N, C-alpha and C. Protein backbone atom coordinates (compact mmCIF):
# COMPACT_ATOMS: atom_id res chain seq x y z
N UNK A 1 -139.21 87.27 76.43
CA UNK A 1 -139.87 87.56 75.16
C UNK A 1 -138.89 88.25 74.22
N UNK A 2 -139.17 88.11 72.94
CA UNK A 2 -138.33 88.78 71.94
C UNK A 2 -138.67 90.26 71.88
N UNK A 3 -137.66 91.06 71.54
CA UNK A 3 -137.87 92.49 71.37
C UNK A 3 -138.72 92.72 70.13
N UNK A 4 -139.65 93.63 70.23
CA UNK A 4 -140.54 93.95 69.11
C UNK A 4 -141.99 93.90 69.55
N UNK A 5 -142.87 93.93 68.58
CA UNK A 5 -144.29 93.88 68.88
C UNK A 5 -144.65 92.52 69.48
N UNK A 6 -145.62 92.53 70.36
CA UNK A 6 -146.10 91.29 70.96
C UNK A 6 -146.82 90.49 69.88
N UNK A 7 -146.56 89.17 69.78
CA UNK A 7 -147.23 88.36 68.76
C UNK A 7 -148.76 88.44 68.88
N UNK A 8 -149.44 88.36 67.73
CA UNK A 8 -150.89 88.54 67.70
C UNK A 8 -151.65 87.58 68.61
N UNK A 9 -151.21 86.31 68.69
CA UNK A 9 -151.93 85.36 69.54
C UNK A 9 -151.85 85.76 71.01
N UNK A 10 -150.70 86.23 71.45
CA UNK A 10 -150.55 86.70 72.84
C UNK A 10 -151.30 88.01 73.03
N UNK A 11 -151.21 88.90 72.05
CA UNK A 11 -151.95 90.17 72.13
C UNK A 11 -153.44 89.91 72.31
N UNK A 12 -153.97 88.95 71.57
CA UNK A 12 -155.40 88.66 71.66
C UNK A 12 -155.77 88.06 73.01
N UNK A 13 -155.09 86.98 73.40
CA UNK A 13 -155.51 86.26 74.61
C UNK A 13 -155.12 86.95 75.91
N UNK A 14 -153.96 87.57 75.94
CA UNK A 14 -153.47 88.15 77.20
C UNK A 14 -153.81 89.62 77.38
N UNK A 15 -154.17 90.29 76.31
CA UNK A 15 -154.45 91.73 76.41
C UNK A 15 -155.86 92.06 75.93
N UNK A 16 -156.13 91.86 74.65
CA UNK A 16 -157.42 92.28 74.10
C UNK A 16 -158.61 91.57 74.74
N UNK A 17 -158.47 90.27 75.00
CA UNK A 17 -159.58 89.53 75.61
C UNK A 17 -159.88 89.97 77.04
N UNK A 18 -158.96 90.68 77.66
CA UNK A 18 -159.16 91.15 79.04
C UNK A 18 -159.95 92.47 79.09
N UNK A 19 -160.07 93.15 77.96
CA UNK A 19 -160.73 94.46 77.91
C UNK A 19 -162.24 94.26 77.82
N UNK A 20 -162.96 94.91 78.71
CA UNK A 20 -164.43 94.86 78.72
C UNK A 20 -164.95 96.24 78.34
N UNK A 21 -165.62 96.33 77.22
CA UNK A 21 -166.15 97.61 76.74
C UNK A 21 -167.65 97.67 76.98
N UNK A 22 -168.10 98.80 77.52
CA UNK A 22 -169.52 98.96 77.82
C UNK A 22 -170.13 100.22 77.23
N UNK A 23 -169.32 101.16 76.79
CA UNK A 23 -169.82 102.45 76.33
C UNK A 23 -170.27 102.38 74.87
N UNK A 24 -171.51 102.78 74.61
CA UNK A 24 -172.02 102.74 73.24
C UNK A 24 -171.41 103.82 72.35
N UNK A 25 -170.85 104.88 72.96
CA UNK A 25 -170.25 105.96 72.17
C UNK A 25 -168.96 105.51 71.48
N UNK A 26 -168.35 104.46 71.99
CA UNK A 26 -167.10 103.96 71.41
C UNK A 26 -167.45 103.15 70.17
N UNK A 27 -167.05 103.65 69.00
CA UNK A 27 -167.44 102.97 67.76
C UNK A 27 -166.29 102.24 67.08
N UNK A 28 -165.06 102.54 67.46
CA UNK A 28 -163.91 101.74 67.02
C UNK A 28 -163.18 101.34 68.28
N UNK A 29 -163.13 100.04 68.51
CA UNK A 29 -162.59 99.48 69.74
C UNK A 29 -161.23 98.82 69.48
N UNK A 30 -160.52 98.47 70.55
CA UNK A 30 -159.22 97.81 70.37
C UNK A 30 -159.36 96.51 69.57
N UNK A 31 -158.45 96.32 68.62
CA UNK A 31 -158.42 95.11 67.81
C UNK A 31 -157.02 94.96 67.23
N UNK A 32 -156.68 93.74 66.86
CA UNK A 32 -155.38 93.49 66.23
C UNK A 32 -155.30 94.30 64.94
N UNK A 33 -154.24 95.06 64.81
CA UNK A 33 -154.02 95.86 63.61
C UNK A 33 -154.76 97.18 63.58
N UNK A 34 -155.55 97.47 64.60
CA UNK A 34 -156.31 98.73 64.62
C UNK A 34 -155.46 99.82 65.25
N UNK A 35 -155.22 100.89 64.51
CA UNK A 35 -154.35 101.96 64.98
C UNK A 35 -155.08 103.04 65.77
N UNK A 36 -156.39 103.18 65.56
CA UNK A 36 -157.14 104.27 66.19
C UNK A 36 -158.37 103.73 66.92
N UNK A 37 -158.77 104.48 67.92
CA UNK A 37 -160.08 104.30 68.53
C UNK A 37 -160.94 105.48 68.12
N UNK A 38 -162.26 105.33 68.20
CA UNK A 38 -163.13 106.44 67.82
C UNK A 38 -164.31 106.52 68.77
N UNK A 39 -164.69 107.76 69.08
CA UNK A 39 -165.80 108.04 69.98
C UNK A 39 -166.80 108.92 69.23
N UNK A 40 -168.07 108.51 69.24
CA UNK A 40 -169.13 109.27 68.58
C UNK A 40 -169.77 110.21 69.58
N UNK A 41 -169.55 111.51 69.40
CA UNK A 41 -170.13 112.52 70.28
C UNK A 41 -171.34 113.20 69.64
N UNK A 42 -171.93 112.58 68.65
CA UNK A 42 -173.11 113.15 68.01
C UNK A 42 -172.78 113.81 66.69
N UNK A 43 -172.46 115.09 66.72
CA UNK A 43 -172.16 115.83 65.49
C UNK A 43 -170.79 115.47 64.92
N UNK A 44 -169.86 115.10 65.79
CA UNK A 44 -168.51 114.78 65.34
C UNK A 44 -168.02 113.50 66.00
N UNK A 45 -167.10 112.85 65.32
CA UNK A 45 -166.38 111.73 65.90
C UNK A 45 -165.03 112.24 66.36
N UNK A 46 -164.59 111.75 67.51
CA UNK A 46 -163.23 112.00 67.98
C UNK A 46 -162.44 110.73 67.72
N UNK A 47 -161.31 110.88 67.06
CA UNK A 47 -160.45 109.74 66.72
C UNK A 47 -159.15 109.92 67.50
N UNK A 48 -158.70 108.83 68.13
CA UNK A 48 -157.53 108.90 69.02
C UNK A 48 -156.56 107.78 68.65
N UNK A 49 -155.28 108.11 68.66
CA UNK A 49 -154.24 107.11 68.41
C UNK A 49 -153.03 107.42 69.26
N UNK A 50 -152.34 106.40 69.69
CA UNK A 50 -151.12 106.61 70.47
C UNK A 50 -150.02 105.71 69.95
N UNK A 51 -148.82 106.25 69.90
CA UNK A 51 -147.67 105.49 69.40
C UNK A 51 -146.42 105.87 70.17
N UNK A 52 -145.63 104.85 70.58
CA UNK A 52 -144.32 105.14 71.15
C UNK A 52 -143.28 105.16 70.04
N UNK A 53 -142.23 105.94 70.23
CA UNK A 53 -141.09 105.90 69.31
C UNK A 53 -139.88 105.53 70.15
N UNK A 54 -139.29 104.38 69.82
CA UNK A 54 -138.16 103.87 70.60
C UNK A 54 -136.97 103.51 69.72
N UNK A 55 -137.17 103.46 68.41
CA UNK A 55 -136.14 102.91 67.54
C UNK A 55 -135.24 103.91 66.86
N UNK A 56 -135.19 105.14 67.36
CA UNK A 56 -134.34 106.15 66.73
C UNK A 56 -133.85 107.15 67.76
N UNK A 57 -132.77 107.80 67.46
CA UNK A 57 -132.28 108.90 68.28
C UNK A 57 -132.42 110.22 67.54
N UNK A 58 -132.10 110.22 66.25
CA UNK A 58 -132.18 111.44 65.45
C UNK A 58 -133.63 111.76 65.12
N UNK A 59 -133.99 113.02 65.27
CA UNK A 59 -135.32 113.49 64.89
C UNK A 59 -136.46 112.74 65.57
N UNK A 60 -136.22 112.24 66.78
CA UNK A 60 -137.22 111.44 67.48
C UNK A 60 -138.51 112.23 67.72
N UNK A 61 -138.39 113.53 68.01
CA UNK A 61 -139.57 114.35 68.23
C UNK A 61 -140.40 114.52 66.97
N UNK A 62 -139.73 114.79 65.87
CA UNK A 62 -140.40 114.94 64.58
C UNK A 62 -141.10 113.66 64.18
N UNK A 63 -140.40 112.55 64.28
CA UNK A 63 -140.96 111.26 63.88
C UNK A 63 -142.16 110.91 64.76
N UNK A 64 -142.06 111.13 66.05
CA UNK A 64 -143.14 110.78 66.97
C UNK A 64 -144.43 111.51 66.62
N UNK A 65 -144.34 112.80 66.32
CA UNK A 65 -145.53 113.57 65.96
C UNK A 65 -146.11 113.07 64.64
N UNK A 66 -145.25 112.86 63.65
CA UNK A 66 -145.74 112.40 62.35
C UNK A 66 -146.41 111.03 62.44
N UNK A 67 -145.83 110.10 63.18
CA UNK A 67 -146.39 108.75 63.28
C UNK A 67 -147.80 108.80 63.86
N UNK A 68 -147.98 109.51 64.97
CA UNK A 68 -149.29 109.56 65.62
C UNK A 68 -150.31 110.31 64.76
N UNK A 69 -149.91 111.44 64.19
CA UNK A 69 -150.85 112.22 63.37
C UNK A 69 -151.19 111.50 62.07
N UNK A 70 -150.25 110.73 61.54
CA UNK A 70 -150.52 109.95 60.33
C UNK A 70 -151.62 108.93 60.58
N UNK A 71 -151.61 108.29 61.74
CA UNK A 71 -152.68 107.33 62.05
C UNK A 71 -154.04 108.00 62.00
N UNK A 72 -154.13 109.21 62.57
CA UNK A 72 -155.40 109.95 62.58
C UNK A 72 -155.81 110.29 61.15
N UNK A 73 -154.89 110.85 60.37
CA UNK A 73 -155.20 111.24 59.00
C UNK A 73 -155.59 110.03 58.15
N UNK A 74 -154.90 108.90 58.34
CA UNK A 74 -155.20 107.69 57.57
C UNK A 74 -156.59 107.14 57.89
N UNK A 75 -157.14 107.51 59.04
CA UNK A 75 -158.49 107.07 59.40
C UNK A 75 -159.56 107.94 58.75
N UNK A 76 -159.13 109.03 58.12
CA UNK A 76 -160.07 109.96 57.50
C UNK A 76 -160.40 111.16 58.37
N UNK A 77 -159.74 111.29 59.51
CA UNK A 77 -160.01 112.41 60.42
C UNK A 77 -158.90 113.46 60.30
N UNK A 78 -159.17 114.63 60.86
CA UNK A 78 -158.20 115.72 60.89
C UNK A 78 -157.52 115.76 62.25
N UNK A 79 -156.19 115.60 62.32
CA UNK A 79 -155.50 115.73 63.61
C UNK A 79 -155.62 117.16 64.12
N UNK A 80 -155.95 117.32 65.41
CA UNK A 80 -156.08 118.67 65.97
C UNK A 80 -155.19 118.90 67.19
N UNK A 81 -154.83 117.83 67.91
CA UNK A 81 -154.01 118.01 69.10
C UNK A 81 -153.21 116.76 69.42
N UNK A 82 -152.15 116.96 70.20
CA UNK A 82 -151.33 115.83 70.65
C UNK A 82 -150.99 116.00 72.13
N UNK A 83 -150.85 114.87 72.79
CA UNK A 83 -150.31 114.80 74.15
C UNK A 83 -149.00 114.04 74.03
N UNK A 84 -147.97 114.53 74.70
CA UNK A 84 -146.63 113.97 74.56
C UNK A 84 -146.12 113.48 75.91
N UNK A 85 -145.67 112.23 75.96
CA UNK A 85 -144.96 111.72 77.12
C UNK A 85 -143.50 111.54 76.72
N UNK A 86 -142.62 112.20 77.45
CA UNK A 86 -141.18 112.15 77.17
C UNK A 86 -140.49 111.55 78.38
N UNK A 87 -139.94 110.35 78.20
CA UNK A 87 -139.15 109.69 79.25
C UNK A 87 -137.68 109.81 78.85
N UNK A 88 -136.90 110.42 79.72
CA UNK A 88 -135.48 110.66 79.43
C UNK A 88 -134.62 109.81 80.36
N UNK A 89 -133.50 109.29 79.84
CA UNK A 89 -132.58 108.54 80.70
C UNK A 89 -131.83 109.48 81.64
N UNK A 90 -131.24 108.90 82.68
CA UNK A 90 -130.51 109.70 83.68
C UNK A 90 -129.37 110.52 83.08
N UNK A 91 -128.76 110.01 82.00
CA UNK A 91 -127.63 110.71 81.41
C UNK A 91 -128.04 111.75 80.36
N UNK A 92 -129.32 112.04 80.26
CA UNK A 92 -129.80 113.01 79.27
C UNK A 92 -129.33 114.42 79.64
N UNK A 93 -128.99 115.17 78.62
CA UNK A 93 -128.61 116.57 78.81
C UNK A 93 -129.84 117.45 78.58
N UNK A 94 -129.88 118.56 79.29
CA UNK A 94 -130.97 119.52 79.11
C UNK A 94 -131.09 119.90 77.64
N UNK A 95 -129.96 120.06 76.96
CA UNK A 95 -129.96 120.41 75.54
C UNK A 95 -130.72 119.38 74.72
N UNK A 96 -130.55 118.08 75.04
CA UNK A 96 -131.24 117.02 74.30
C UNK A 96 -132.76 117.14 74.47
N UNK A 97 -133.19 117.38 75.70
CA UNK A 97 -134.62 117.53 75.97
C UNK A 97 -135.17 118.75 75.23
N UNK A 98 -134.42 119.84 75.28
CA UNK A 98 -134.85 121.06 74.58
C UNK A 98 -134.94 120.83 73.08
N UNK A 99 -133.97 120.14 72.51
CA UNK A 99 -133.97 119.86 71.07
C UNK A 99 -135.18 119.02 70.68
N UNK A 100 -135.46 117.98 71.46
CA UNK A 100 -136.61 117.12 71.17
C UNK A 100 -137.91 117.92 71.24
N UNK A 101 -138.04 118.77 72.26
CA UNK A 101 -139.26 119.56 72.39
C UNK A 101 -139.39 120.59 71.27
N UNK A 102 -138.27 121.13 70.79
CA UNK A 102 -138.32 122.03 69.64
C UNK A 102 -138.79 121.27 68.40
N UNK A 103 -138.30 120.03 68.22
CA UNK A 103 -138.75 119.21 67.10
C UNK A 103 -140.26 118.97 67.18
N UNK A 104 -140.73 118.62 68.37
CA UNK A 104 -142.16 118.36 68.56
C UNK A 104 -142.98 119.61 68.26
N UNK A 105 -142.57 120.74 68.83
CA UNK A 105 -143.32 121.99 68.65
C UNK A 105 -143.32 122.43 67.18
N UNK A 106 -142.17 122.35 66.52
CA UNK A 106 -142.08 122.76 65.11
C UNK A 106 -142.92 121.85 64.21
N UNK A 107 -142.86 120.55 64.47
CA UNK A 107 -143.62 119.61 63.64
C UNK A 107 -145.12 119.79 63.86
N UNK A 108 -145.52 119.95 65.11
CA UNK A 108 -146.94 120.18 65.40
C UNK A 108 -147.43 121.44 64.70
N UNK A 109 -146.65 122.50 64.77
CA UNK A 109 -147.02 123.76 64.11
C UNK A 109 -147.16 123.56 62.60
N UNK A 110 -146.23 122.82 62.01
CA UNK A 110 -146.27 122.60 60.56
C UNK A 110 -147.49 121.79 60.13
N UNK A 111 -148.05 121.00 61.05
CA UNK A 111 -149.23 120.18 60.76
C UNK A 111 -150.52 120.84 61.24
N UNK A 112 -150.42 122.05 61.79
CA UNK A 112 -151.57 122.76 62.37
C UNK A 112 -152.21 121.93 63.49
N UNK A 113 -151.36 121.37 64.33
CA UNK A 113 -151.78 120.56 65.47
C UNK A 113 -151.23 121.21 66.73
N UNK A 114 -152.06 121.32 67.76
CA UNK A 114 -151.60 121.91 69.02
C UNK A 114 -151.09 120.83 69.98
N UNK A 115 -150.04 121.16 70.71
CA UNK A 115 -149.61 120.32 71.83
C UNK A 115 -150.52 120.71 72.99
N UNK A 116 -151.34 119.76 73.47
CA UNK A 116 -152.36 120.10 74.47
C UNK A 116 -152.03 119.56 75.86
N UNK A 117 -150.89 118.90 75.99
CA UNK A 117 -150.48 118.43 77.31
C UNK A 117 -149.48 117.31 77.19
N UNK A 118 -149.20 116.70 78.34
CA UNK A 118 -148.27 115.59 78.34
C UNK A 118 -147.60 115.38 79.67
N UNK A 119 -146.47 114.70 79.63
CA UNK A 119 -145.72 114.35 80.84
C UNK A 119 -144.26 114.24 80.47
N UNK A 120 -143.39 114.79 81.31
CA UNK A 120 -141.95 114.64 81.11
C UNK A 120 -141.33 114.09 82.39
N UNK A 121 -140.33 113.24 82.20
CA UNK A 121 -139.72 112.59 83.37
C UNK A 121 -138.34 112.07 83.02
N UNK A 122 -137.41 112.23 83.95
CA UNK A 122 -136.11 111.57 83.87
C UNK A 122 -136.22 110.34 84.75
N UNK A 123 -135.86 109.18 84.19
CA UNK A 123 -136.08 107.93 84.91
C UNK A 123 -134.98 106.91 84.62
N UNK A 124 -134.70 106.08 85.61
CA UNK A 124 -133.73 105.00 85.39
C UNK A 124 -134.38 103.79 84.72
N UNK A 125 -135.66 103.90 84.40
CA UNK A 125 -136.38 102.81 83.73
C UNK A 125 -136.04 102.72 82.24
N UNK A 126 -135.42 103.77 81.69
CA UNK A 126 -135.05 103.76 80.27
C UNK A 126 -133.57 104.07 80.12
N UNK A 127 -132.96 103.52 79.06
CA UNK A 127 -131.55 103.80 78.80
C UNK A 127 -131.37 104.80 77.66
N UNK A 128 -132.45 105.12 76.97
CA UNK A 128 -132.45 106.17 75.95
C UNK A 128 -133.85 106.79 75.92
N UNK A 129 -134.01 107.87 75.17
CA UNK A 129 -135.29 108.56 75.14
C UNK A 129 -136.41 107.66 74.62
N UNK A 130 -137.55 107.75 75.26
CA UNK A 130 -138.78 107.11 74.80
C UNK A 130 -139.84 108.20 74.74
N UNK A 131 -140.44 108.36 73.58
CA UNK A 131 -141.50 109.35 73.41
C UNK A 131 -142.76 108.63 72.98
N UNK A 132 -143.85 108.94 73.65
CA UNK A 132 -145.16 108.45 73.24
C UNK A 132 -146.02 109.66 72.93
N UNK A 133 -146.61 109.66 71.75
CA UNK A 133 -147.50 110.74 71.36
C UNK A 133 -148.90 110.17 71.17
N UNK A 134 -149.86 110.80 71.84
CA UNK A 134 -151.26 110.47 71.65
C UNK A 134 -151.86 111.61 70.83
N UNK A 135 -152.38 111.26 69.67
CA UNK A 135 -152.98 112.26 68.78
C UNK A 135 -154.49 112.17 68.86
N UNK A 136 -155.13 113.34 68.79
CA UNK A 136 -156.58 113.44 68.82
C UNK A 136 -157.02 114.13 67.54
N UNK A 137 -158.03 113.56 66.89
CA UNK A 137 -158.54 114.16 65.67
C UNK A 137 -160.05 114.21 65.68
N UNK A 138 -160.60 114.84 64.64
CA UNK A 138 -162.05 114.96 64.55
C UNK A 138 -162.49 114.76 63.11
N UNK A 139 -163.73 114.32 62.97
CA UNK A 139 -164.34 114.20 61.65
C UNK A 139 -165.85 114.24 61.82
N UNK A 140 -166.52 114.71 60.79
CA UNK A 140 -167.98 114.65 60.78
C UNK A 140 -168.45 113.45 59.97
N UNK A 141 -167.53 112.81 59.28
CA UNK A 141 -167.85 111.63 58.49
C UNK A 141 -167.97 110.43 59.42
N UNK A 142 -169.13 109.81 59.43
CA UNK A 142 -169.37 108.67 60.33
C UNK A 142 -168.70 107.39 59.83
N UNK A 143 -168.09 107.43 58.66
CA UNK A 143 -167.41 106.25 58.12
C UNK A 143 -165.91 106.37 58.35
N UNK A 144 -165.47 105.95 59.49
CA UNK A 144 -164.04 105.93 59.81
C UNK A 144 -163.37 104.86 58.94
N UNK A 145 -162.19 105.15 58.47
CA UNK A 145 -161.40 104.16 57.73
C UNK A 145 -160.63 103.35 58.77
N UNK A 146 -161.05 102.12 58.97
CA UNK A 146 -160.43 101.28 60.00
C UNK A 146 -159.26 100.50 59.41
N UNK A 147 -158.16 100.48 60.12
CA UNK A 147 -157.00 99.70 59.69
C UNK A 147 -157.36 98.23 59.58
N UNK A 148 -158.16 97.76 60.52
CA UNK A 148 -158.53 96.35 60.55
C UNK A 148 -159.50 95.98 59.44
N UNK A 149 -159.99 96.96 58.68
CA UNK A 149 -160.94 96.68 57.62
C UNK A 149 -160.29 96.23 56.32
N UNK A 150 -158.98 96.26 56.24
CA UNK A 150 -158.29 95.82 55.03
C UNK A 150 -158.51 94.34 54.80
N UNK A 151 -158.69 93.97 53.53
CA UNK A 151 -158.91 92.55 53.21
C UNK A 151 -158.22 92.20 51.89
N UNK A 152 -157.98 90.92 51.66
CA UNK A 152 -157.34 90.52 50.41
C UNK A 152 -158.11 91.06 49.20
N UNK A 153 -157.37 91.57 48.24
CA UNK A 153 -157.98 92.13 47.04
C UNK A 153 -158.13 93.63 47.08
N UNK A 154 -157.99 94.25 48.27
CA UNK A 154 -158.05 95.70 48.37
C UNK A 154 -156.87 96.32 47.63
N UNK A 155 -157.08 97.50 47.08
CA UNK A 155 -155.99 98.25 46.47
C UNK A 155 -155.17 98.93 47.56
N UNK A 156 -153.87 99.01 47.35
CA UNK A 156 -152.97 99.73 48.25
C UNK A 156 -152.40 100.90 47.46
N UNK A 157 -152.54 102.09 48.03
CA UNK A 157 -152.01 103.28 47.38
C UNK A 157 -150.82 103.77 48.19
N UNK A 158 -149.67 103.85 47.56
CA UNK A 158 -148.46 104.33 48.20
C UNK A 158 -148.08 105.63 47.50
N UNK A 159 -147.96 106.70 48.27
CA UNK A 159 -147.68 108.00 47.66
C UNK A 159 -146.18 108.29 47.54
N UNK A 160 -145.38 107.56 48.25
CA UNK A 160 -143.93 107.77 48.16
C UNK A 160 -143.28 106.40 47.92
N UNK A 161 -142.39 105.96 48.80
CA UNK A 161 -141.70 104.70 48.62
C UNK A 161 -141.97 103.79 49.81
N UNK A 162 -142.15 102.49 49.55
CA UNK A 162 -142.31 101.53 50.64
C UNK A 162 -141.04 101.52 51.48
N UNK A 163 -141.20 101.55 52.79
CA UNK A 163 -140.05 101.52 53.68
C UNK A 163 -139.34 102.85 53.86
N UNK A 164 -139.94 103.93 53.37
CA UNK A 164 -139.28 105.24 53.42
C UNK A 164 -139.00 105.70 54.85
N UNK A 165 -139.96 105.54 55.74
CA UNK A 165 -139.77 105.99 57.12
C UNK A 165 -138.60 105.26 57.78
N UNK A 166 -138.59 103.94 57.67
CA UNK A 166 -137.51 103.16 58.27
C UNK A 166 -136.15 103.47 57.66
N UNK A 167 -136.13 103.65 56.35
CA UNK A 167 -134.89 104.01 55.66
C UNK A 167 -134.38 105.36 56.14
N UNK A 168 -135.28 106.33 56.27
CA UNK A 168 -134.89 107.66 56.74
C UNK A 168 -134.34 107.61 58.16
N UNK A 169 -134.98 106.84 59.02
CA UNK A 169 -134.51 106.70 60.41
C UNK A 169 -133.11 106.10 60.44
N UNK A 170 -132.90 105.02 59.68
CA UNK A 170 -131.58 104.39 59.65
C UNK A 170 -130.52 105.34 59.09
N UNK A 171 -130.87 106.08 58.04
CA UNK A 171 -129.91 107.02 57.45
C UNK A 171 -129.53 108.12 58.44
N UNK A 172 -130.51 108.64 59.17
CA UNK A 172 -130.22 109.69 60.16
C UNK A 172 -129.39 109.16 61.32
N UNK A 173 -129.75 107.98 61.81
CA UNK A 173 -129.06 107.42 62.97
C UNK A 173 -127.65 106.91 62.64
N UNK A 174 -127.38 106.59 61.37
CA UNK A 174 -126.08 106.03 60.99
C UNK A 174 -125.41 106.87 59.91
N UNK A 175 -125.65 108.17 59.95
CA UNK A 175 -125.14 109.08 58.92
C UNK A 175 -123.62 109.01 58.78
N UNK A 176 -122.90 108.99 59.90
CA UNK A 176 -121.43 109.00 59.85
C UNK A 176 -120.89 107.71 59.23
N UNK A 177 -121.46 106.57 59.63
CA UNK A 177 -120.99 105.30 59.06
C UNK A 177 -121.28 105.22 57.56
N UNK A 178 -122.45 105.70 57.15
CA UNK A 178 -122.81 105.66 55.74
C UNK A 178 -121.94 106.61 54.91
N UNK A 179 -121.62 107.76 55.46
CA UNK A 179 -120.79 108.73 54.75
C UNK A 179 -119.37 108.20 54.57
N UNK A 180 -118.91 107.37 55.50
CA UNK A 180 -117.56 106.82 55.43
C UNK A 180 -117.43 105.76 54.34
N UNK A 181 -118.54 105.19 53.92
CA UNK A 181 -118.48 104.11 52.90
C UNK A 181 -118.50 104.63 51.50
């Protein structure tokens, strides 16, 4: 398979079609393009999203927290906590792990989000750091903004620049080469 996201047709037939949902509390279920799931607990909805970060080395902890919490905020919920899985390659230095965890802790604090758990592991299954952040949010508004609800003719509001995140990642990861030009 090609590196990148799994094509939608394969995602639907090989993954999504295999999922059997039975719980009535689940009000946003897995779907193509859907970034969050949601659970109705009565007075509040819990909104959950998970994202891996694999395409950067610089600021990987900061980016991982922002990506997951952004999904929650974009759904209309308030991010309140994150769970972090940190997979480190065999050649990782303790300093690298400490730096990443400082990035995660500082970013979570700046967003008023608590780190509520996670998993750390050094493994030969990866050749560079892989971080997955699962963000949990809450809302009392029963109208979740679903990613899959977008349709032709909808307005798109961009508060900064299109492609800003990817551009920032590339600039951080290739700072020396760019400075030389």
